[in-house]
Amino acid sequence: MTTPENLQTAIERHFAAGSSAVNDPAAHETFAAFRQALEVGEIRAASPDSAEPTGWRVNVWVKEGILLGFRLGSLAGYSAGPLSFVDKDTYPARSFTPEDGIRIVLGGSSVRAGAYLARGVVCAPPMFVNAGAYVDEGTMVDSHALVGSCAQVGRNVHLSAAAQIGGVLEPVNASPVVIEDNVLVGGNSGVYEGTIVRAGAVLAAGTILTRGTPVFDLVNGMVLRATEETPLIIPANAVVVPGSRAVTKGKGQEWGLSLYAPVIVKYRDEKTSLSTALEDLLR
């Protein structure tokens, strides 16, 4: 019987073997079981853990297993109607059936093998979910949205059109991007470099969050930043909008320039929730 513990031991061994694992049938057999465990949600690249400072634990061995799949794979050709593709044979596109309870709307979307999508997920075309990503129940991935490798997306999240959720596969000990439950990510927003967006937050259209981006909390009069130990963390129920801050020295000041700065303008309340109620009609 294959258990997560057995898988971890085998993955760590084959990953440490380097290129010699490519010709080892046991490595390929282990990876096949590993990928299946990813796709059914038995294992994930990061897990909720209240003992961790960020509330999330990075499962390094899972990220090693995803990288192992790229090492083991060979290029293979695929086709869908008149379209042709070439990719590693360890990461073909996933296919779904009505019994999975996942809506993949016609129009050019793709979910890579090794990604987990829970029941009730809706995918509007065209969108892409990469290997190792975890997308929980009731989430909507809208047109032109990306869920990167290892990204963790919670329940009842709305990733609006053209939202980009970075993954962070490497380095293996780095935290991936995490979008917790009931978050609204506005159109053309981007969340990158291990940023954690806490439950209930709203990112207005065009908001960009990275490890080097300071976020100005007008409500609490403080500036949120990543540290060497922790990524940028957006508080629960925060409403974040794109803003700017003046350059106060040198040519930037002389020329009247401003730099991009995301701003927390309020915390989510009943009125904010009502503004997102229409999402339920689309599910």
Protein backbone atom coordinates (compact mmCIF):
# COMPACT_ATOMS: atom_id res chain seq x y z
CA MET A 1 0.00 0.00 0.00
CA THR A 2 1.31 3.43 -1.01
CA THR A 3 1.06 6.04 1.74
CA PRO A 4 2.22 9.68 1.74
CA GLU A 5 5.04 8.62 4.05
CA ASN A 6 6.18 5.88 1.65
CA LEU A 7 5.91 8.29 -1.25
CA GLN A 8 7.98 10.89 0.55
CA THR A 9 10.80 8.46 1.22
CA ALA A 10 10.83 7.24 -2.37
CA ILE A 11 10.60 10.72 -3.90
CA GLU A 12 13.46 12.01 -1.75
CA ARG A 13 15.60 9.04 -2.76
CA HIS A 14 14.94 9.39 -6.49
CA PHE A 15 15.34 13.16 -6.41
CA ALA A 16 18.72 12.81 -4.68
CA ALA A 17 19.80 10.30 -7.34
CA GLY A 18 19.97 13.09 -9.92
CA SER A 19 20.12 12.15 -13.59
CA SER A 20 20.61 8.45 -12.81
CA ALA A 21 16.91 8.28 -11.90
CA VAL A 22 15.93 8.87 -15.55
CA ASN A 23 16.61 5.24 -16.50
CA ASP A 24 15.28 3.75 -13.26
CA PRO A 25 11.85 2.12 -13.75
CA ALA A 26 11.19 2.42 -10.00
CA ALA A 27 11.56 6.20 -10.23
CA HIS A 28 8.96 6.38 -13.01
CA GLU A 29 6.60 4.12 -11.06
CA THR A 30 7.02 6.27 -7.96
CA PHE A 31 6.37 9.45 -9.91
CA ALA A 32 3.18 8.02 -11.42
CA ALA A 33 1.83 7.30 -7.93
CA PHE A 34 3.00 10.72 -6.75
CA ARG A 35 1.24 12.54 -9.59
CA GLN A 36 -1.98 10.65 -8.89
CA ALA A 37 -1.78 11.64 -5.22
CA LEU A 38 -1.39 15.29 -6.27
CA GLU A 39 -4.40 15.12 -8.57
CA VAL A 40 -6.73 13.74 -5.90
CA GLY A 41 -5.52 16.19 -3.26
CA GLU A 42 -3.88 13.64 -0.95
CA ILE A 43 -0.64 15.63 -0.97
CA ARG A 44 0.13 19.28 -1.74
CA ALA A 45 3.10 21.61 -2.04
CA ALA A 46 2.05 23.63 1.02
CA SER A 47 -0.40 22.86 3.82
CA PRO A 48 -2.20 24.93 6.47
CA ASP A 49 -0.25 24.66 9.73
CA SER A 50 -1.02 26.85 12.73
CA ALA A 51 2.39 26.06 14.21
CA GLU A 52 4.15 27.92 11.38
CA PRO A 53 4.66 31.72 11.61
CA THR A 54 2.76 32.24 8.34
CA GLY A 55 0.13 29.60 9.04
CA TRP A 56 1.45 27.52 6.13
CA ARG A 57 4.02 24.70 5.95
CA VAL A 58 6.04 24.16 2.78
CA ASN A 59 6.22 20.45 1.89
CA VAL A 60 9.69 20.42 0.35
CA TRP A 61 9.51 16.80 -0.74
CA VAL A 62 6.38 17.47 -2.78
CA LYS A 63 8.13 20.24 -4.68
CA GLU A 64 11.06 17.87 -5.19
CA GLY A 65 8.62 15.33 -6.63
CA ILE A 66 7.25 17.88 -9.10
CA LEU A 67 10.78 18.72 -10.23
CA LEU A 68 11.55 15.01 -10.46
CA GLY A 69 8.72 14.69 -12.98
CA PHE A 70 10.37 17.21 -15.28
CA ARG A 71 13.70 15.37 -14.93
CA LEU A 72 12.14 12.00 -15.79
CA GLY A 73 10.00 13.22 -18.67
CA SER A 74 10.75 12.99 -22.39
CA LEU A 75 9.27 15.19 -25.07
CA ALA A 76 6.09 13.80 -26.59
CA GLY A 77 3.62 15.08 -29.15
CA TYR A 78 -0.07 15.59 -28.40
CA SER A 79 -3.01 16.77 -30.46
CA ALA A 80 -6.47 18.23 -29.88
CA GLY A 81 -8.32 18.48 -33.15
CA PRO A 82 -6.16 20.50 -35.56
CA LEU A 83 -3.93 21.78 -32.75
CA SER A 84 -0.64 20.09 -31.84
CA PHE A 85 1.52 20.36 -28.74
CA VAL A 86 4.89 19.12 -27.51
CA ASP A 87 5.58 18.70 -23.79
CA LYS A 88 7.13 16.37 -21.24
CA ASP A 89 5.28 13.05 -21.25
CA THR A 90 5.18 13.17 -17.45
CA TYR A 91 2.93 16.26 -17.57
CA PRO A 92 0.23 15.86 -20.23
CA ALA A 93 -2.99 17.84 -20.09
CA ARG A 94 -5.54 16.48 -17.64
CA SER A 95 -8.94 15.29 -18.78
CA PHE A 96 -12.16 15.40 -16.75
CA THR A 97 -15.56 13.70 -16.73
CA PRO A 98 -18.94 14.99 -15.46
CA GLU A 99 -18.50 12.76 -12.40
CA ASP A 100 -15.58 14.95 -11.30
CA GLY A 101 -18.01 17.83 -10.71
CA ILE A 102 -15.66 20.36 -12.35
CA ARG A 103 -16.80 22.73 -15.12
CA ILE A 104 -14.26 23.18 -17.91
CA VAL A 105 -16.06 25.53 -20.29
CA LEU A 106 -15.39 25.05 -24.00
CA GLY A 107 -12.79 27.39 -25.45
CA GLY A 108 -9.12 26.52 -25.02
CA SER A 109 -8.46 26.04 -21.30
CA SER A 110 -5.83 23.62 -20.04
CA VAL A 111 -5.12 21.93 -16.72
CA ARG A 112 -1.77 20.18 -16.51
CA ALA A 113 -1.37 16.73 -14.99
CA GLY A 114 -0.39 16.92 -11.33
CA ALA A 115 -2.79 19.78 -10.54
CA TYR A 116 -5.65 19.35 -8.08
CA LEU A 117 -9.08 20.82 -8.80
CA ALA A 118 -11.82 20.16 -6.24
CA ARG A 119 -15.50 19.60 -7.01
CA GLY A 120 -17.36 22.77 -7.86
CA VAL A 121 -14.41 24.52 -9.52
CA VAL A 122 -15.38 26.50 -12.64
CA CYS A 123 -12.85 27.19 -15.40
CA ALA A 124 -13.79 29.85 -17.98
CA PRO A 125 -11.82 29.84 -21.23
CA PRO A 126 -9.02 30.33 -21.86
CA MET A 127 -7.24 29.69 -18.57
CA PHE A 128 -4.34 27.56 -17.36
CA VAL A 129 -3.58 25.64 -14.16
CA ASN A 130 -0.02 24.35 -13.86
CA ALA A 131 1.33 21.16 -12.29
CA GLY A 132 1.37 21.11 -8.50
CA ALA A 133 -1.30 23.77 -8.10
CA TYR A 134 -4.14 23.21 -5.61
CA VAL A 135 -7.55 24.78 -6.32
CA ASP A 136 -10.22 24.15 -3.69
CA GLU A 137 -14.01 23.83 -3.82
CA GLY A 138 -16.23 26.43 -5.44
CA THR A 139 -13.43 28.54 -6.87
CA MET A 140 -13.82 30.23 -10.25
CA VAL A 141 -10.81 30.58 -12.54
CA ASP A 142 -11.90 33.17 -15.08
CA SER A 143 -10.79 33.85 -18.65
CA HIS A 144 -7.05 34.36 -19.24
CA ALA A 145 -6.29 33.61 -15.58
CA LEU A 146 -3.17 31.66 -14.59
CA VAL A 147 -2.65 29.46 -11.54
CA GLY A 148 1.08 28.79 -11.37
CA SER A 149 2.89 25.63 -10.33
CA CYS A 150 2.48 24.90 -6.59
CA ALA A 151 0.10 27.87 -6.03
CA GLN A 152 -2.46 27.18 -3.30
CA VAL A 153 -5.96 28.57 -3.90
CA GLY A 154 -8.68 28.15 -1.28
CA ARG A 155 -12.45 27.67 -1.31
CA ASN A 156 -14.87 30.06 -3.02
CA VAL A 157 -12.13 32.22 -4.50
CA HIS A 158 -12.79 34.25 -7.64
CA LEU A 159 -9.77 34.70 -9.87
CA SER A 160 -11.09 37.35 -12.25
CA ALA A 161 -10.20 37.72 -15.92
CA ALA A 162 -6.44 37.87 -16.58
CA ALA A 163 -5.51 37.41 -12.90
CA GLN A 164 -2.03 35.94 -12.54
CA ILE A 165 -1.26 33.75 -9.53
CA GLY A 166 2.44 32.94 -9.46
CA GLY A 167 3.57 29.57 -8.25
CA VAL A 168 7.14 29.40 -6.87
CA LEU A 169 8.36 25.91 -7.62
CA GLU A 170 12.00 26.76 -6.94
CA PRO A 171 13.80 27.02 -4.62
CA VAL A 172 12.10 24.00 -3.09
CA ASN A 173 12.06 25.45 0.43
CA ALA A 174 10.36 28.69 -0.67
CA SER A 175 6.70 29.24 0.12
CA PRO A 176 4.43 29.27 -2.93
CA VAL A 177 1.76 31.91 -3.45
CA VAL A 178 -1.25 31.25 -1.22
CA ILE A 179 -4.76 32.63 -1.80
CA GLU A 180 -6.92 31.67 1.18
CA ASP A 181 -10.70 31.09 1.26
CA ASN A 182 -13.27 33.61 0.00
CA VAL A 183 -10.77 35.95 -1.64
CA LEU A 184 -11.68 38.06 -4.67
CA VAL A 185 -8.76 38.71 -7.03
CA GLY A 186 -9.72 41.45 -9.47
CA GLY A 187 -9.05 41.46 -13.18
CA ASN A 188 -5.48 41.99 -14.37
CA SER A 189 -4.15 41.55 -10.83
CA GLY A 190 -0.93 39.68 -10.11
CA VAL A 191 0.16 37.88 -6.94
CA TYR A 192 3.76 36.65 -7.02
CA GLU A 193 6.86 35.53 -5.08
CA GLY A 194 5.25 33.64 -2.24
CA THR A 195 2.76 36.34 -1.21
CA ILE A 196 -0.02 35.12 1.11
CA VAL A 197 -3.48 36.67 0.76
CA ARG A 198 -5.54 35.93 3.86
CA ALA A 199 -9.18 34.80 3.86
CA GLY A 200 -11.83 37.26 2.73
CA ALA A 201 -9.47 39.82 1.23
CA VAL A 202 -10.38 41.74 -1.93
CA LEU A 203 -7.76 42.77 -4.48
CA ALA A 204 -9.13 45.45 -6.77
CA ALA A 205 -8.49 45.22 -10.50
CA GLY A 206 -4.88 45.89 -11.42
CA THR A 207 -3.38 45.21 -7.98
CA ILE A 208 0.15 43.78 -8.12
CA LEU A 209 1.72 42.11 -5.08
CA THR A 210 5.33 40.89 -4.93
CA ARG A 211 7.90 40.17 -2.26
CA GLY A 212 9.43 43.60 -2.76
CA THR A 213 6.14 45.50 -2.78
CA PRO A 214 5.32 47.51 0.38
CA VAL A 215 1.58 47.71 1.08
CA PHE A 216 0.23 50.84 2.79
CA ASP A 217 -2.52 50.12 5.32
CA LEU A 218 -4.43 53.39 5.69
CA VAL A 219 -6.83 51.88 8.22
CA ASN A 220 -4.17 50.87 10.74
CA GLY A 221 -1.50 53.41 9.80
CA MET A 222 1.23 50.90 9.00
CA VAL A 223 3.29 49.61 6.10
CA LEU A 224 3.28 45.85 5.39
CA ARG A 225 6.46 44.32 3.97
CA ALA A 226 8.05 40.93 3.44
CA THR A 227 11.00 40.04 5.66
CA GLU A 228 13.88 37.63 5.24
CA GLU A 229 11.85 35.02 7.12
CA THR A 230 8.32 35.69 5.88
CA PRO A 231 6.68 36.68 2.60
CA LEU A 232 4.35 39.63 2.09
CA ILE A 233 1.08 38.84 3.89
CA ILE A 234 -2.20 40.62 3.12
CA PRO A 235 -4.45 40.58 6.22
CA ALA A 236 -7.84 38.88 6.30
CA ASN A 237 -10.71 40.93 4.82
CA ALA A 238 -8.38 43.71 3.61
CA VAL A 239 -9.55 45.64 0.55
CA VAL A 240 -6.47 46.47 -1.52
CA VAL A 241 -6.45 48.94 -4.43
CA PRO A 242 -3.67 50.17 -6.73
CA GLY A 243 -2.21 53.46 -5.55
CA SER A 244 0.94 55.54 -5.85
CA ARG A 245 3.47 57.29 -3.62
CA ALA A 246 5.53 60.34 -4.50
CA VAL A 247 9.28 60.11 -5.05
CA THR A 248 10.72 62.48 -2.45
CA LYS A 249 14.33 62.93 -3.54
CA GLY A 250 16.55 63.47 -6.54
CA LYS A 251 15.31 63.66 -10.10
CA GLY A 252 12.18 61.73 -9.20
CA GLN A 253 11.07 64.57 -6.94
CA GLU A 254 12.17 67.21 -9.44
CA TRP A 255 10.17 65.56 -12.20
CA GLY A 256 7.11 64.95 -10.02
CA LEU A 257 7.25 61.16 -10.37
CA SER A 258 5.31 58.63 -8.34
CA LEU A 259 5.85 54.90 -7.79
CA TYR A 260 3.21 52.17 -7.74
CA ALA A 261 1.96 51.37 -4.24
CA PRO A 262 -0.90 49.03 -3.27
CA VAL A 263 -3.09 50.54 -0.56
CA ILE A 264 -5.46 48.95 1.98
CA VAL A 265 -8.36 51.40 1.99
CA LYS A 266 -10.77 49.46 4.22
CA TYR A 267 -11.59 46.04 5.60
CA ARG A 268 -14.35 43.95 4.10
CA ASP A 269 -17.84 44.48 5.48
CA GLU A 270 -21.40 43.58 4.50
CA LYS A 271 -21.46 46.13 1.66
CA THR A 272 -18.22 44.78 0.23
CA SER A 273 -19.61 41.26 0.41
CA LEU A 274 -22.80 42.30 -1.35
CA SER A 275 -20.74 43.66 -4.23
CA THR A 276 -19.39 40.15 -4.86
CA ALA A 277 -22.70 38.28 -4.44
CA LEU A 278 -23.27 38.09 -8.19
CA GLU A 279 -20.47 35.53 -8.41
CA ASP A 280 -22.84 32.89 -7.03
CA LEU A 281 -25.04 33.26 -10.10
CA LEU A 282 -22.15 32.11 -12.30
CA ARG A 283 -21.38 28.90 -10.45
